[in-house]
């Protein structure tokens, strides 16, 4: 249920499908690529602003209601994009509003529910939950592309609204009981951002996302510049999605058996190696880079939730994860911009690959310097979420 809910939320349906409409919107309303990028980044900022609020609501009042509201707003948002969009301004406003009001459908509620339910196998469980996003990213876009080709772009948005409506099922059925447990009464402890460990973890994930996330949209243009055809570049890019799915399971399992920050550091070095492979080997080593980028993307999404639950407990997981994930989203949204600007200045991706490798090295060091966490004892039967297990903020 958690994987299904994550795959039918805004993180997958919006992020991986919104670009399919650009060619038709360019002809219909004159939307340029730059305007599309600005609208997408505006939606990302709106999500980052709203996520901490949703996280606090989830912690205090349970996950079911904000997720149902978020999924409903996602349906409404897609319907509005399909029926109301008449100009670039209306597209911009509707896209930003979608990011603001539909953010409750993001994986935060399902990640908290899984973290509360699983202890010793938490990493694998979170990996399987996040795998729903990868599966959705692989299966839904071809369906939407076919709808657009056959019936027009407006019906493409209506089809997305239908998928989003299906997301109400896991929210209504799966998010009950244990996932709705509120925060224990009493003092909340210091603000999360005042904790050095919280800022350390946030910095590590922000640097990691700022470094490599921007190469995902630039991957195909980079390979085209290297002389590959459009179909060849797309085939190599598809490998990224495959390794995102595979890495979610593998990294989740590793996090249960190896100190997770070491896993994160190793993934950063792997992604840096992918950058250097492209820099010195060019297109022939594109599969190596695709595998490295896919593993990094899959690992980051898993490890944000895993490390947050281990270091800060499940009592404040909603707020802590929301802040960490918001920082990751903002960095991931800004990453394509700096890579594109550096390309415009230098005329190639070589400088960006070098800078990215250096940033990933810094991120690896930050992860390795994170302290050991204490694995909590498995709760007794009937005591799924206890104050003793969650503890107070460090």
Protein backbone atom coordinates (compact mmCIF):
# COMPACT_ATOMS: atom_id res chain seq x y z
CA UNK A 1 0.00 0.00 0.00
CA UNK A 2 2.84 2.40 0.86
CA UNK A 3 4.58 1.76 -2.46
CA UNK A 4 1.30 2.22 -4.35
CA UNK A 5 0.51 5.45 -2.52
CA UNK A 6 3.99 6.87 -3.14
CA UNK A 7 3.79 5.97 -6.82
CA UNK A 8 0.42 7.71 -7.26
CA UNK A 9 1.41 10.96 -5.54
CA UNK A 10 2.85 14.27 -6.69
CA UNK A 11 6.49 13.09 -6.50
CA UNK A 12 5.91 10.67 -9.37
CA UNK A 13 2.84 11.76 -11.35
CA UNK A 14 3.86 15.42 -11.52
CA UNK A 15 7.65 15.20 -11.67
CA UNK A 16 7.98 12.47 -14.29
CA UNK A 17 5.07 13.45 -16.56
CA UNK A 18 4.95 17.25 -16.64
CA UNK A 19 7.57 17.47 -19.40
CA UNK A 20 5.41 15.41 -21.79
CA UNK A 21 3.11 18.39 -22.31
CA UNK A 22 5.78 20.92 -23.29
CA UNK A 23 5.73 20.46 -27.09
CA UNK A 24 1.93 20.79 -27.28
CA UNK A 25 1.85 23.70 -24.84
CA UNK A 26 4.55 25.42 -26.89
CA UNK A 27 2.24 25.36 -29.92
CA UNK A 28 -0.98 26.03 -27.99
CA UNK A 29 0.01 28.85 -25.61
CA UNK A 30 3.58 29.70 -26.67
CA UNK A 31 5.27 28.14 -23.64
CA UNK A 32 9.06 28.31 -23.99
CA UNK A 33 11.52 25.88 -22.42
CA UNK A 34 12.74 28.61 -20.12
CA UNK A 35 9.20 29.40 -18.96
CA UNK A 36 8.56 25.70 -18.41
CA UNK A 37 11.69 25.46 -16.28
CA UNK A 38 10.67 28.49 -14.24
CA UNK A 39 7.19 27.07 -13.66
CA UNK A 40 8.64 23.72 -12.57
CA UNK A 41 11.05 25.42 -10.17
CA UNK A 42 8.21 27.55 -8.78
CA UNK A 43 6.26 24.36 -8.07
CA UNK A 44 9.36 22.89 -6.41
CA UNK A 45 9.72 25.95 -4.16
CA UNK A 46 6.02 25.78 -3.28
CA UNK A 47 6.40 22.12 -2.31
CA UNK A 48 9.47 22.87 -0.22
CA UNK A 49 7.61 25.63 1.65
CA UNK A 50 4.53 23.47 2.30
CA UNK A 51 6.27 20.21 3.22
CA UNK A 52 7.32 21.21 6.79
CA UNK A 53 3.75 22.27 7.52
CA UNK A 54 2.42 18.93 6.28
CA UNK A 55 5.10 17.12 8.26
CA UNK A 56 4.05 18.81 11.48
CA UNK A 57 0.39 17.96 10.82
CA UNK A 58 1.30 14.33 10.16
CA UNK A 59 3.25 14.14 13.43
CA UNK A 60 0.50 15.71 15.51
CA UNK A 61 -2.72 14.49 13.94
CA UNK A 62 -1.84 11.43 11.88
CA UNK A 63 -1.10 10.76 8.24
CA UNK A 64 -4.46 9.82 6.76
CA UNK A 65 -6.25 13.18 6.53
CA UNK A 66 -3.41 15.30 5.04
CA UNK A 67 -2.67 12.54 2.51
CA UNK A 68 -6.31 12.29 1.43
CA UNK A 69 -6.50 16.08 1.10
CA UNK A 70 -3.21 16.18 -0.83
CA UNK A 71 -4.32 13.42 -3.23
CA UNK A 72 -7.65 15.19 -3.77
CA UNK A 73 -5.86 18.46 -4.54
CA UNK A 74 -3.62 16.59 -6.99
CA UNK A 75 -6.70 15.39 -8.85
CA UNK A 76 -8.17 18.90 -8.86
CA UNK A 77 -4.87 20.41 -9.97
CA UNK A 78 -4.54 18.13 -13.00
CA UNK A 79 -8.17 18.77 -13.95
CA UNK A 80 -7.56 22.51 -13.75
CA UNK A 81 -4.39 22.27 -15.84
CA UNK A 82 -6.37 20.42 -18.48
CA UNK A 83 -9.36 22.75 -18.54
CA UNK A 84 -8.23 26.19 -17.36
CA UNK A 85 -4.80 26.57 -19.00
CA UNK A 86 -5.21 29.26 -21.67
CA UNK A 87 -1.97 31.22 -21.36
CA UNK A 88 1.57 31.02 -20.02
CA UNK A 89 0.49 32.98 -16.93
CA UNK A 90 -2.36 30.60 -16.13
CA UNK A 91 -0.03 27.62 -16.62
CA UNK A 92 2.54 29.15 -14.27
CA UNK A 93 -0.03 29.92 -11.56
CA UNK A 94 -1.72 26.52 -11.76
CA UNK A 95 1.59 24.64 -11.68
CA UNK A 96 2.80 26.56 -8.63
CA UNK A 97 -0.56 26.08 -6.90
CA UNK A 98 -0.41 22.35 -7.58
CA UNK A 99 2.95 22.13 -5.85
CA UNK A 100 1.64 24.08 -2.86
CA UNK A 101 -1.71 22.39 -2.23
CA UNK A 102 -1.06 18.81 -3.40
CA UNK A 103 2.14 18.29 -1.43
CA UNK A 104 0.25 16.13 1.08
CA UNK A 105 0.33 13.37 -1.55
CA UNK A 106 4.15 13.25 -1.34
CA UNK A 107 5.68 10.09 0.22
CA UNK A 108 6.11 11.66 3.67
CA UNK A 109 3.04 9.99 5.23
CA UNK A 110 3.91 6.57 3.85
CA UNK A 111 7.56 6.92 4.88
CA UNK A 112 6.49 7.71 8.44
CA UNK A 113 4.02 4.83 8.52
CA UNK A 114 6.70 2.39 7.33
CA UNK A 115 9.30 3.79 9.76
CA UNK A 116 6.87 3.33 12.65
CA UNK A 117 5.98 -0.22 11.64
CA UNK A 118 9.44 -1.61 10.79
CA UNK A 119 12.61 -1.49 12.85
CA UNK A 120 15.26 -4.08 12.00
CA UNK A 121 14.28 -4.23 8.32
CA UNK A 122 13.43 -0.54 8.07
CA UNK A 123 15.91 0.21 5.29
CA UNK A 124 14.54 -2.50 3.00
CA UNK A 125 10.95 -1.50 3.81
CA UNK A 126 11.65 2.13 2.95
CA UNK A 127 13.40 1.05 -0.24
CA UNK A 128 10.37 -0.97 -1.32
CA UNK A 129 8.14 2.01 -0.52
CA UNK A 130 10.21 4.36 -2.67
CA UNK A 131 10.30 1.75 -5.43
CA UNK A 132 6.68 2.65 -6.11
CA UNK A 133 7.85 6.01 -7.46
CA UNK A 134 10.30 4.31 -9.82
CA UNK A 135 7.70 1.86 -11.10
CA UNK A 136 5.24 4.69 -11.65
CA UNK A 137 7.92 6.68 -13.47
CA UNK A 138 8.46 3.73 -15.79
CA UNK A 139 4.81 2.80 -16.47
CA UNK A 140 2.73 5.98 -16.38
CA UNK A 141 4.58 8.28 -18.87
CA UNK A 142 4.08 5.93 -21.86
CA UNK A 143 0.35 5.80 -21.10
CA UNK A 144 0.09 9.59 -20.83
CA UNK A 145 2.15 10.05 -24.02
CA UNK A 146 -0.24 7.74 -25.87
CA UNK A 147 -3.26 9.66 -24.57
CA UNK A 148 -1.72 12.97 -25.65
CA UNK A 149 -0.91 11.59 -29.10
CA UNK A 150 -4.38 10.17 -29.56
CA UNK A 151 -6.66 12.68 -27.84
CA UNK A 152 -4.65 15.84 -27.18
CA UNK A 153 -2.79 17.36 -24.26
CA UNK A 154 -5.89 18.29 -22.25
CA UNK A 155 -6.94 14.66 -22.07
CA UNK A 156 -3.41 13.85 -20.96
CA UNK A 157 -3.99 15.95 -17.85
CA UNK A 158 -7.38 14.31 -17.33
CA UNK A 159 -5.68 10.89 -17.48
CA UNK A 160 -3.18 12.05 -14.84
CA UNK A 161 -6.14 13.13 -12.70
CA UNK A 162 -7.47 9.58 -13.00
CA UNK A 163 -4.18 8.10 -11.80
CA UNK A 164 -4.11 10.60 -8.93
CA UNK A 165 -7.65 9.56 -7.95
CA UNK A 166 -6.41 5.99 -7.59
CA UNK A 167 -3.96 7.36 -5.00
CA UNK A 168 -6.90 7.92 -2.66
CA UNK A 169 -7.28 4.15 -2.25
CA UNK A 170 -4.02 3.47 -0.34
CA UNK A 171 -4.51 6.71 1.62
CA UNK A 172 -7.97 5.68 2.82
CA UNK A 173 -7.23 1.99 3.35
CA UNK A 174 -3.56 1.84 4.29
CA UNK A 175 -3.03 4.90 6.52
CA UNK A 176 -4.85 3.84 9.64
CA UNK A 177 -4.04 2.94 13.22
CA UNK A 178 -0.31 2.85 13.78
CA UNK A 179 0.47 5.43 11.11
CA UNK A 180 -1.90 7.91 12.73
CA UNK A 181 -0.21 7.85 16.13
CA UNK A 182 0.36 11.44 17.32
CA UNK A 183 3.41 12.86 19.00
CA UNK A 184 3.65 12.17 22.76
CA UNK A 185 2.46 15.05 24.87
CA UNK A 186 4.95 17.26 26.61
CA UNK A 187 7.85 19.46 25.55
CA UNK A 188 8.87 19.04 21.92
CA UNK A 189 12.56 19.60 22.49
CA UNK A 190 14.80 22.08 20.65
CA UNK A 191 14.00 23.17 17.07
CA UNK A 192 15.37 20.69 14.58
CA UNK A 193 17.47 23.24 12.71
CA UNK A 194 19.24 24.14 15.95
CA UNK A 195 20.69 20.62 16.20
CA UNK A 196 24.22 20.32 14.73
CA UNK A 197 23.59 16.73 13.64
CA UNK A 198 20.41 17.73 11.79
CA UNK A 199 22.24 20.52 9.96
CA UNK A 200 25.13 18.13 9.18
CA UNK A 201 22.79 15.58 7.60
CA UNK A 202 20.88 18.30 5.73
CA UNK A 203 24.14 19.72 4.34
CA UNK A 204 25.27 16.29 3.14
CA UNK A 205 22.06 15.61 1.21
CA UNK A 206 21.85 19.15 -0.18
CA UNK A 207 25.42 19.00 -1.53
CA UNK A 208 24.75 15.56 -2.98
CA UNK A 209 21.55 16.68 -4.76
CA UNK A 210 23.06 19.94 -5.94
CA UNK A 211 25.92 17.99 -7.47
CA UNK A 212 24.35 15.18 -9.48
CA UNK A 213 20.57 15.72 -9.76
CA UNK A 214 21.01 18.29 -12.51
CA UNK A 215 22.62 15.75 -14.81
CA UNK A 216 19.41 13.76 -15.07
CA UNK A 217 17.67 16.25 -17.42
CA UNK A 218 21.02 17.07 -19.10
CA UNK A 219 21.96 13.43 -19.70
CA UNK A 220 20.31 13.03 -23.11
CA UNK A 221 21.55 16.40 -24.48
CA UNK A 222 25.03 15.50 -23.28
CA UNK A 223 24.99 12.20 -25.15
CA UNK A 224 23.56 13.89 -28.25
CA UNK A 225 26.48 16.33 -28.14
CA UNK A 226 28.77 13.29 -27.97
CA UNK A 227 27.40 12.06 -31.29
CA UNK A 228 24.70 9.58 -30.29
CA UNK A 229 21.32 9.52 -31.99
CA UNK A 230 18.17 10.47 -30.14
CA UNK A 231 17.06 6.85 -29.79
CA UNK A 232 20.50 5.73 -28.56
CA UNK A 233 20.63 8.52 -25.97
CA UNK A 234 17.08 7.73 -24.81
CA UNK A 235 17.97 4.05 -24.43
CA UNK A 236 20.94 4.91 -22.21
CA UNK A 237 18.79 7.35 -20.23
CA UNK A 238 16.27 4.57 -19.61
CA UNK A 239 19.03 2.73 -17.76
CA UNK A 240 18.93 5.45 -15.12
CA UNK A 241 15.31 4.60 -14.32
CA UNK A 242 16.09 0.88 -14.18
CA UNK A 243 18.95 1.40 -11.74
CA UNK A 244 16.81 3.76 -9.63
CA UNK A 245 14.35 0.90 -9.12
CA UNK A 246 17.03 -1.72 -8.46
CA UNK A 247 19.07 0.51 -6.15
CA UNK A 248 16.09 1.27 -3.90
CA UNK A 249 15.99 -2.36 -2.85
CA UNK A 250 19.75 -2.90 -2.74
CA UNK A 251 20.53 0.30 -0.84
CA UNK A 252 17.67 -0.31 1.58
CA UNK A 253 19.00 -3.79 2.35
CA UNK A 254 22.54 -2.48 2.78
CA UNK A 255 21.36 0.24 5.17
CA UNK A 256 19.98 -2.48 7.44
CA UNK A 257 23.34 -4.26 7.59
CA UNK A 258 25.99 -1.55 7.13
CA UNK A 259 26.31 1.86 8.80
CA UNK A 260 24.06 3.86 6.45
CA UNK A 261 26.24 7.03 6.19
CA UNK A 262 29.04 4.83 4.85
CA UNK A 263 26.65 3.51 2.22
CA UNK A 264 25.73 7.10 1.29
CA UNK A 265 29.40 8.06 1.04
CA UNK A 266 30.13 5.09 -1.20
CA UNK A 267 27.22 6.01 -3.47
CA UNK A 268 28.57 9.57 -3.77
CA UNK A 269 31.95 8.21 -4.85
CA UNK A 270 30.21 5.89 -7.31
CA UNK A 271 28.35 8.85 -8.86
CA UNK A 272 31.62 10.82 -9.01
CA UNK A 273 33.13 7.89 -10.86
CA UNK A 274 30.25 8.03 -13.34
CA UNK A 275 31.00 11.70 -13.99
CA UNK A 276 34.69 10.98 -14.57
CA UNK A 277 33.77 8.08 -16.86
CA UNK A 278 31.76 10.47 -19.05
CA UNK A 279 34.50 13.10 -18.89
CA UNK A 280 37.34 10.82 -20.02
CA UNK A 281 35.50 7.99 -21.79
CA UNK A 282 32.66 9.82 -23.49
CA UNK A 283 29.63 8.07 -24.98
CA UNK A 284 31.07 4.50 -24.84
CA UNK A 285 30.97 4.73 -21.04
CA UNK A 286 27.44 6.18 -20.94
CA UNK A 287 26.01 2.94 -19.47
CA UNK A 288 28.45 3.22 -16.55
CA UNK A 289 27.39 6.79 -15.89
CA UNK A 290 23.68 5.89 -16.20
CA UNK A 291 24.08 3.11 -13.65
CA UNK A 292 25.97 5.41 -11.26
CA UNK A 293 23.44 8.24 -11.54
CA UNK A 294 20.52 5.83 -11.12
CA UNK A 295 22.05 4.34 -7.98
CA UNK A 296 22.68 7.80 -6.55
CA UNK A 297 19.13 8.96 -7.23
CA UNK A 298 17.63 5.83 -5.73
CA UNK A 299 19.92 5.87 -2.71
CA UNK A 300 19.29 9.49 -1.80
CA UNK A 301 15.52 9.10 -1.62
CA UNK A 302 15.85 5.99 0.55
CA UNK A 303 18.57 7.23 2.87
CA UNK A 304 16.92 10.58 3.65
CA UNK A 305 14.07 8.72 5.34
CA UNK A 306 16.23 6.01 6.89
CA UNK A 307 18.81 8.31 8.49
CA UNK A 308 16.13 10.72 9.66
CA UNK A 309 14.29 7.94 11.47
CA UNK A 310 17.46 6.51 13.01
CA UNK A 311 18.95 9.79 14.22
CA UNK A 312 15.80 11.66 15.26
CA UNK A 313 13.15 9.00 15.93
CA UNK A 314 9.66 8.53 14.55
CA UNK A 315 7.94 10.93 16.95
CA UNK A 316 9.19 13.91 14.93
CA UNK A 317 9.74 12.03 11.68
CA UNK A 318 7.18 14.07 9.73
CA UNK A 319 8.81 17.40 10.48
CA UNK A 320 12.38 16.13 10.27
CA UNK A 321 11.85 14.29 6.99
CA UNK A 322 9.91 17.20 5.51
CA UNK A 323 12.76 19.64 6.18
CA UNK A 324 15.39 17.24 4.85
CA UNK A 325 13.32 16.40 1.76
CA UNK A 326 12.54 20.08 1.14
CA UNK A 327 16.25 20.88 1.16
CA UNK A 328 16.88 18.00 -1.22
CA UNK A 329 14.13 19.21 -3.60
CA UNK A 330 15.40 22.78 -3.68
CA UNK A 331 18.95 21.62 -4.38
CA UNK A 332 17.73 19.18 -7.04
CA UNK A 333 15.68 21.96 -8.62
CA UNK A 334 18.63 24.36 -8.70
CA UNK A 335 21.12 21.77 -9.99
CA UNK A 336 20.03 21.79 -13.67
CA UNK A 337 20.28 25.59 -13.67
CA UNK A 338 23.92 25.85 -12.62
CA UNK A 339 24.92 23.02 -14.94
CA UNK A 340 23.14 24.73 -17.85
CA UNK A 341 24.72 28.09 -17.06
CA UNK A 342 28.18 26.53 -16.88
CA UNK A 343 27.57 24.83 -20.22
CA UNK A 344 26.54 28.17 -21.76
CA UNK A 345 29.74 29.75 -20.46
CA UNK A 346 32.16 27.01 -21.54
CA UNK A 347 30.44 25.38 -24.51
CA UNK A 348 30.66 21.84 -23.09
CA UNK A 349 29.75 19.74 -20.06
CA UNK A 350 33.38 19.06 -19.13
CA UNK A 351 33.60 21.78 -16.47
CA UNK A 352 30.27 20.74 -14.96
CA UNK A 353 31.43 17.12 -14.74
CA UNK A 354 34.59 18.20 -12.91
CA UNK A 355 32.68 20.43 -10.47
CA UNK A 356 30.11 17.70 -9.86
CA UNK A 357 32.82 15.17 -9.06
CA UNK A 358 34.32 17.57 -6.53
CA UNK A 359 30.97 18.28 -4.88
CA UNK A 360 30.22 14.57 -4.63
CA UNK A 361 33.57 14.08 -2.93
CA UNK A 362 32.62 16.74 -0.36
CA UNK A 363 29.25 15.04 0.19
CA UNK A 364 31.00 11.69 0.72
CA UNK A 365 33.22 13.24 3.41
CA UNK A 366 30.20 14.77 5.14
CA UNK A 367 28.46 11.39 5.24
CA UNK A 368 31.50 9.52 6.53
CA UNK A 369 31.87 12.05 9.37
CA UNK A 370 28.34 11.41 10.65
CA UNK A 371 28.28 9.59 14.03
CA UNK A 372 27.05 6.11 14.77
CA UNK A 373 23.34 5.80 15.53
CA UNK A 374 21.71 3.48 18.01
CA UNK A 375 19.46 0.80 16.60
CA UNK A 376 16.27 0.79 18.66
CA UNK A 377 14.87 -2.37 20.17
CA UNK A 378 11.94 -3.96 18.37
CA UNK A 379 8.71 -2.85 20.11
CA UNK A 380 6.74 -5.48 21.94
CA UNK A 381 3.49 -6.79 20.50
CA UNK A 382 0.76 -4.24 20.92
CA UNK A 383 3.31 -1.48 21.48
CA UNK A 384 3.97 -0.44 17.90
CA UNK A 385 4.91 3.13 18.72
CA UNK A 386 6.03 3.96 22.23
CA UNK A 387 7.50 7.07 23.79
CA UNK A 388 10.45 5.04 24.96
CA UNK A 389 11.24 3.87 21.45
CA UNK A 390 10.96 7.30 19.89
CA UNK A 391 12.71 9.13 22.70
CA UNK A 392 13.45 12.81 22.68
CA UNK A 393 15.48 14.80 20.24
CA UNK A 394 19.24 14.42 20.72
